[in-house]
Amino acid sequence: MLQQLAGETGGSGWAIASMLFFFGVWVAVTVATWRARSEVMDERARLPLDGEADPAAAAVPRES
């Protein structure tokens, strides 16, 4: 039943296109991550989260 539906609607072409698109994006992200400089990655890792004004202050536990 699903094969008939895919054959009549052209769904198999969309499935192949979506897999190729996913693979292309995955390769692009992998290459960009692999080629990124470690200094840039370290800088991004130290970015504050939303709502944090000072990342150094967030790392120090506060006494209550």
PDB file of N, CA and C in Angstrom:
ATOM      1  N   MET A   1       0.809  -1.185   0.000  1.00  0.00           N
ATOM      2  CA  MET A   1       0.000   0.000   0.000  1.00  0.00           C
ATOM      3  C   MET A   1       0.863   1.264   0.000  1.00  0.00           C
ATOM      4  N   LEU A   2       1.898   1.283   0.834  1.00  0.00           N
ATOM      5  CA  LEU A   2       2.757   2.461   0.865  1.00  0.00           C
ATOM      6  C   LEU A   2       3.562   2.610  -0.417  1.00  0.00           C
ATOM      7  N   GLN A   3       3.940   1.492  -1.015  1.00  0.00           N
ATOM      8  CA  GLN A   3       4.674   1.559  -2.278  1.00  0.00           C
ATOM      9  C   GLN A   3       3.797   2.130  -3.385  1.00  0.00           C
ATOM     10  N   GLN A   4       2.530   1.767  -3.388  1.00  0.00           N
ATOM     11  CA  GLN A   4       1.604   2.309  -4.390  1.00  0.00           C
ATOM     12  C   GLN A   4       1.414   3.799  -4.179  1.00  0.00           C
ATOM     13  N   LEU A   5       1.266   4.211  -2.919  1.00  0.00           N
ATOM     14  CA  LEU A   5       1.088   5.628  -2.612  1.00  0.00           C
ATOM     15  C   LEU A   5       2.323   6.424  -3.023  1.00  0.00           C
ATOM     16  N   ALA A   6       3.503   5.903  -2.714  1.00  0.00           N
ATOM     17  CA  ALA A   6       4.746   6.595  -3.070  1.00  0.00           C
ATOM     18  C   ALA A   6       4.910   6.646  -4.586  1.00  0.00           C
ATOM     19  N   GLY A   7       4.539   5.589  -5.270  1.00  0.00           N
ATOM     20  CA  GLY A   7       4.658   5.567  -6.720  1.00  0.00           C
ATOM     21  C   GLY A   7       3.706   6.531  -7.396  1.00  0.00           C
ATOM     22  N   GLU A   8       2.503   6.656  -6.878  1.00  0.00           N
ATOM     23  CA  GLU A   8       1.505   7.533  -7.489  1.00  0.00           C
ATOM     24  C   GLU A   8       1.765   9.007  -7.196  1.00  0.00           C
ATOM     25  N   THR A   9       2.303   9.313  -6.036  1.00  0.00           N
ATOM     26  CA  THR A   9       2.495  10.714  -5.647  1.00  0.00           C
ATOM     27  C   THR A   9       3.905  11.220  -5.893  1.00  0.00           C
ATOM     28  N   GLY A  10       4.809  10.347  -6.297  1.00  0.00           N
ATOM     29  CA  GLY A  10       6.191  10.777  -6.501  1.00  0.00           C
ATOM     30  C   GLY A  10       6.929  10.942  -5.185  1.00  0.00           C
ATOM     31  N   GLY A  11       6.471  10.277  -4.158  1.00  0.00           N
ATOM     32  CA  GLY A  11       7.075  10.402  -2.831  1.00  0.00           C
ATOM     33  C   GLY A  11       8.479   9.849  -2.747  1.00  0.00           C
ATOM     34  N   SER A  12       8.822   8.894  -3.600  1.00  0.00           N
ATOM     35  CA  SER A  12      10.165   8.324  -3.541  1.00  0.00           C
ATOM     36  C   SER A  12      11.211   9.360  -3.945  1.00  0.00           C
ATOM     37  N   GLY A  13      10.881  10.224  -4.873  1.00  0.00           N
ATOM     38  CA  GLY A  13      11.808  11.293  -5.267  1.00  0.00           C
ATOM     39  C   GLY A  13      12.046  12.271  -4.134  1.00  0.00           C
ATOM     40  N   TRP A  14      10.979  12.603  -3.401  1.00  0.00           N
ATOM     41  CA  TRP A  14      11.120  13.502  -2.255  1.00  0.00           C
ATOM     42  C   TRP A  14      11.939  12.851  -1.147  1.00  0.00           C
ATOM     43  N   ALA A  15      11.772  11.554  -0.953  1.00  0.00           N
ATOM     44  CA  ALA A  15      12.534  10.856   0.083  1.00  0.00           C
ATOM     45  C   ALA A  15      14.026  10.865  -0.246  1.00  0.00           C
ATOM     46  N   ILE A  16      14.367  10.619  -1.502  1.00  0.00           N
ATOM     47  CA  ILE A  16      15.767  10.640  -1.911  1.00  0.00           C
ATOM     48  C   ILE A  16      16.331  12.051  -1.804  1.00  0.00           C
ATOM     49  N   ALA A  17      15.558  13.035  -2.224  1.00  0.00           N
ATOM     50  CA  ALA A  17      16.013  14.431  -2.142  1.00  0.00           C
ATOM     51  C   ALA A  17      16.231  14.861  -0.697  1.00  0.00           C
ATOM     52  N   SER A  18      15.358  14.452   0.193  1.00  0.00           N
ATOM     53  CA  SER A  18      15.523  14.841   1.597  1.00  0.00           C
ATOM     54  C   SER A  18      16.734  14.162   2.219  1.00  0.00           C
ATOM     55  N   MET A  19      17.005  12.908   1.852  1.00  0.00           N
ATOM     56  CA  MET A  19      18.202  12.235   2.369  1.00  0.00           C
ATOM     57  C   MET A  19      19.470  12.895   1.839  1.00  0.00           C
ATOM     58  N   LEU A  20      19.481  13.275   0.577  1.00  0.00           N
ATOM     59  CA  LEU A  20      20.644  13.968   0.017  1.00  0.00           C
ATOM     60  C   LEU A  20      20.842  15.332   0.678  1.00  0.00           C
ATOM     61  N   PHE A  21      19.749  16.039   0.941  1.00  0.00           N
ATOM     62  CA  PHE A  21      19.833  17.334   1.617  1.00  0.00           C
ATOM     63  C   PHE A  21      20.401  17.162   3.017  1.00  0.00           C
ATOM     64  N   PHE A  22      19.900  16.173   3.761  1.00  0.00           N
ATOM     65  CA  PHE A  22      20.401  15.914   5.107  1.00  0.00           C
ATOM     66  C   PHE A  22      21.884  15.581   5.082  1.00  0.00           C
ATOM     67  N   PHE A  23      22.289  14.717   4.158  1.00  0.00           N
ATOM     68  CA  PHE A  23      23.688  14.335   4.056  1.00  0.00           C
ATOM     69  C   PHE A  23      24.557  15.544   3.717  1.00  0.00           C
ATOM     70  N   GLY A  24      24.093  16.407   2.820  1.00  0.00           N
ATOM     71  CA  GLY A  24      24.846  17.604   2.459  1.00  0.00           C
ATOM     72  C   GLY A  24      25.028  18.553   3.627  1.00  0.00           C
ATOM     73  N   VAL A  25      23.970  18.773   4.387  1.00  0.00           N
ATOM     74  CA  VAL A  25      24.064  19.652   5.555  1.00  0.00           C
ATOM     75  C   VAL A  25      24.980  19.034   6.606  1.00  0.00           C
ATOM     76  N   TRP A  26      24.868  17.722   6.803  1.00  0.00           N
ATOM     77  CA  TRP A  26      25.706  17.043   7.785  1.00  0.00           C
ATOM     78  C   TRP A  26      27.185  17.175   7.413  1.00  0.00           C
ATOM     79  N   VAL A  27      27.496  16.991   6.147  1.00  0.00           N
ATOM     80  CA  VAL A  27      28.885  17.119   5.691  1.00  0.00           C
ATOM     81  C   VAL A  27      29.372  18.554   5.871  1.00  0.00           C
ATOM     82  N   ALA A  28      28.539  19.538   5.557  1.00  0.00           N
ATOM     83  CA  ALA A  28      28.929  20.945   5.705  1.00  0.00           C
ATOM     84  C   ALA A  28      29.214  21.293   7.170  1.00  0.00           C
ATOM     85  N   VAL A  29      28.373  20.842   8.077  1.00  0.00           N
ATOM     86  CA  VAL A  29      28.588  21.115   9.504  1.00  0.00           C
ATOM     87  C   VAL A  29      29.842  20.400   9.997  1.00  0.00           C
ATOM     88  N   THR A  30      30.044  19.172   9.555  1.00  0.00           N
ATOM     89  CA  THR A  30      31.231  18.419   9.965  1.00  0.00           C
ATOM     90  C   THR A  30      32.511  19.090   9.478  1.00  0.00           C
ATOM     91  N   VAL A  31      32.531  19.520   8.229  1.00  0.00           N
ATOM     92  CA  VAL A  31      33.714  20.184   7.683  1.00  0.00           C
ATOM     93  C   VAL A  31      33.957  21.517   8.390  1.00  0.00           C
ATOM     94  N   ALA A  32      32.896  22.291   8.637  1.00  0.00           N
ATOM     95  CA  ALA A  32      33.055  23.574   9.322  1.00  0.00           C
ATOM     96  C   ALA A  32      33.587  23.379  10.739  1.00  0.00           C
ATOM     97  N   THR A  33      33.119  22.337  11.422  1.00  0.00           N
ATOM     98  CA  THR A  33      33.597  22.062  12.774  1.00  0.00           C
ATOM     99  C   THR A  33      35.043  21.591  12.740  1.00  0.00           C
ATOM    100  N   TRP A  34      35.378  20.757  11.792  1.00  0.00           N
ATOM    101  CA  TRP A  34      36.731  20.221  11.690  1.00  0.00           C
ATOM    102  C   TRP A  34      37.748  21.319  11.379  1.00  0.00           C
ATOM    103  N   ARG A  35      37.356  22.271  10.540  1.00  0.00           N
ATOM    104  CA  ARG A  35      38.278  23.330  10.121  1.00  0.00           C
ATOM    105  C   ARG A  35      38.335  24.505  11.079  1.00  0.00           C
ATOM    106  N   ALA A  36      37.446  24.556  12.064  1.00  0.00           N
ATOM    107  CA  ALA A  36      37.401  25.689  12.993  1.00  0.00           C
ATOM    108  C   ALA A  36      38.665  25.709  13.851  1.00  0.00           C
ATOM    109  N   ARG A  37      39.146  26.890  14.103  1.00  0.00           N
ATOM    110  CA  ARG A  37      40.332  27.038  14.946  1.00  0.00           C
ATOM    111  C   ARG A  37      39.962  26.801  16.396  1.00  0.00           C
ATOM    112  N   SER A  38      40.873  26.243  17.148  1.00  0.00           N
ATOM    113  CA  SER A  38      40.590  25.933  18.554  1.00  0.00           C
ATOM    114  C   SER A  38      40.384  27.197  19.376  1.00  0.00           C
ATOM    115  N   GLU A  39      41.049  28.299  19.012  1.00  0.00           N
ATOM    116  CA  GLU A  39      40.858  29.554  19.750  1.00  0.00           C
ATOM    117  C   GLU A  39      39.417  30.048  19.616  1.00  0.00           C
ATOM    118  N   VAL A  40      38.881  29.926  18.417  1.00  0.00           N
ATOM    119  CA  VAL A  40      37.504  30.368  18.175  1.00  0.00           C
ATOM    120  C   VAL A  40      36.528  29.483  18.953  1.00  0.00           C
ATOM    121  N   MET A  41      36.784  28.172  18.949  1.00  0.00           N
ATOM    122  CA  MET A  41      35.908  27.257  19.681  1.00  0.00           C
ATOM    123  C   MET A  41      35.976  27.514  21.192  1.00  0.00           C
ATOM    124  N   ASP A  42      37.180  27.789  21.722  1.00  0.00           N
ATOM    125  CA  ASP A  42      37.314  28.116  23.141  1.00  0.00           C
ATOM    126  C   ASP A  42      36.577  29.403  23.478  1.00  0.00           C
ATOM    127  N   GLU A  43      36.661  30.385  22.583  1.00  0.00           N
ATOM    128  CA  GLU A  43      35.966  31.655  22.791  1.00  0.00           C
ATOM    129  C   GLU A  43      34.451  31.449  22.815  1.00  0.00           C
ATOM    130  N   ARG A  44      33.957  30.630  21.909  1.00  0.00           N
ATOM    131  CA  ARG A  44      32.518  30.347  21.868  1.00  0.00           C
ATOM    132  C   ARG A  44      32.071  29.549  23.086  1.00  0.00           C
ATOM    133  N   ALA A  45      32.935  28.682  23.582  1.00  0.00           N
ATOM    134  CA  ALA A  45      32.585  27.871  24.755  1.00  0.00           C
ATOM    135  C   ALA A  45      32.458  28.729  25.999  1.00  0.00           C
ATOM    136  N   ARG A  46      33.115  29.873  26.016  1.00  0.00           N
ATOM    137  CA  ARG A  46      33.073  30.753  27.191  1.00  0.00           C
ATOM    138  C   ARG A  46      32.014  31.843  27.099  1.00  0.00           C
ATOM    139  N   LEU A  47      31.184  31.821  26.065  1.00  0.00           N
ATOM    140  CA  LEU A  47      30.120  32.811  25.951  1.00  0.00           C
ATOM    141  C   LEU A  47      29.119  32.611  27.085  1.00  0.00           C
ATOM    142  N   PRO A  48      28.610  33.702  27.655  1.00  0.00           N
ATOM    143  CA  PRO A  48      27.647  33.554  28.746  1.00  0.00           C
ATOM    144  C   PRO A  48      26.300  33.049  28.235  1.00  0.00           C
ATOM    145  N   LEU A  49      25.614  32.341  29.095  1.00  0.00           N
ATOM    146  CA  LEU A  49      24.273  31.894  28.772  1.00  0.00           C
ATOM    147  C   LEU A  49      23.309  33.062  28.919  1.00  0.00           C
ATOM    148  N   ASP A  50      22.100  32.916  28.417  1.00  0.00           N
ATOM    149  CA  ASP A  50      21.107  33.979  28.542  1.00  0.00           C
ATOM    150  C   ASP A  50      20.863  34.282  30.017  1.00  0.00           C
ATOM    151  N   GLY A  51      20.887  35.551  30.363  1.00  0.00           N
ATOM    152  CA  GLY A  51      20.605  35.960  31.728  1.00  0.00           C
ATOM    153  C   GLY A  51      21.844  36.070  32.602  1.00  0.00           C
ATOM    154  N   GLU A  52      22.992  35.646  32.125  1.00  0.00           N
ATOM    155  CA  GLU A  52      24.224  35.769  32.903  1.00  0.00           C
ATOM    156  C   GLU A  52      24.958  37.018  32.442  1.00  0.00           C
ATOM    157  N   ALA A  53      25.253  37.903  33.392  1.00  0.00           N
ATOM    158  CA  ALA A  53      25.967  39.125  33.046  1.00  0.00           C
ATOM    159  C   ALA A  53      27.474  38.885  33.022  1.00  0.00           C
ATOM    160  N   ASP A  54      27.976  38.131  33.998  1.00  0.00           N
ATOM    161  CA  ASP A  54      29.413  37.897  34.113  1.00  0.00           C
ATOM    162  C   ASP A  54      29.651  36.396  34.240  1.00  0.00           C
ATOM    163  N   PRO A  55      30.277  35.770  33.244  1.00  0.00           N
ATOM    164  CA  PRO A  55      30.466  34.320  33.321  1.00  0.00           C
ATOM    165  C   PRO A  55      31.385  33.901  34.465  1.00  0.00           C
ATOM    166  N   ALA A  56      32.342  34.765  34.870  1.00  0.00           N
ATOM    167  CA  ALA A  56      33.236  34.424  35.974  1.00  0.00           C
ATOM    168  C   ALA A  56      32.463  34.400  37.289  1.00  0.00           C
ATOM    169  N   ALA A  57      31.506  35.302  37.440  1.00  0.00           N
ATOM    170  CA  ALA A  57      30.711  35.352  38.672  1.00  0.00           C
ATOM    171  C   ALA A  57      29.784  34.158  38.784  1.00  0.00           C
ATOM    172  N   ALA A  58      29.351  33.638  37.678  1.00  0.00           N
ATOM    173  CA  ALA A  58      28.446  32.486  37.700  1.00  0.00           C
ATOM    174  C   ALA A  58      29.181  31.207  38.114  1.00  0.00           C
ATOM    175  N   ALA A  59      30.497  31.169  37.891  1.00  0.00           N
ATOM    176  CA  ALA A  59      31.270  29.974  38.220  1.00  0.00           C
ATOM    177  C   ALA A  59      31.592  29.905  39.717  1.00  0.00           C
ATOM    178  N   VAL A  60      31.560  31.042  40.411  1.00  0.00           N
ATOM    179  CA  VAL A  60      31.880  31.071  41.840  1.00  0.00           C
ATOM    180  C   VAL A  60      30.605  30.843  42.636  1.00  0.00           C
ATOM    181  N   PRO A  61      30.584  29.835  43.502  1.00  0.00           N
ATOM    182  CA  PRO A  61      29.373  29.608  44.302  1.00  0.00           C
ATOM    183  C   PRO A  61      29.172  30.731  45.323  1.00  0.00           C
ATOM    184  N   ARG A  62      27.942  31.126  45.486  1.00  0.00           N
ATOM    185  CA  ARG A  62      27.593  32.205  46.413  1.00  0.00           C
ATOM    186  C   ARG A  62      27.220  31.643  47.769  1.00  0.00           C
ATOM    187  N   GLU A  63      27.620  32.358  48.807  1.00  0.00           N
ATOM    188  CA  GLU A  63      27.246  31.937  50.169  1.00  0.00           C
ATOM    189  C   GLU A  63      25.878  32.508  50.486  1.00  0.00           C
ATOM    190  N   SER A  64      25.059  31.692  51.160  1.00  0.00           N
ATOM    191  CA  SER A  64      23.733  32.201  51.497  1.00  0.00           C
ATOM    192  C   SER A  64      23.551  32.327  52.977  1.00  0.00           C
TER     193      SER A  64
END
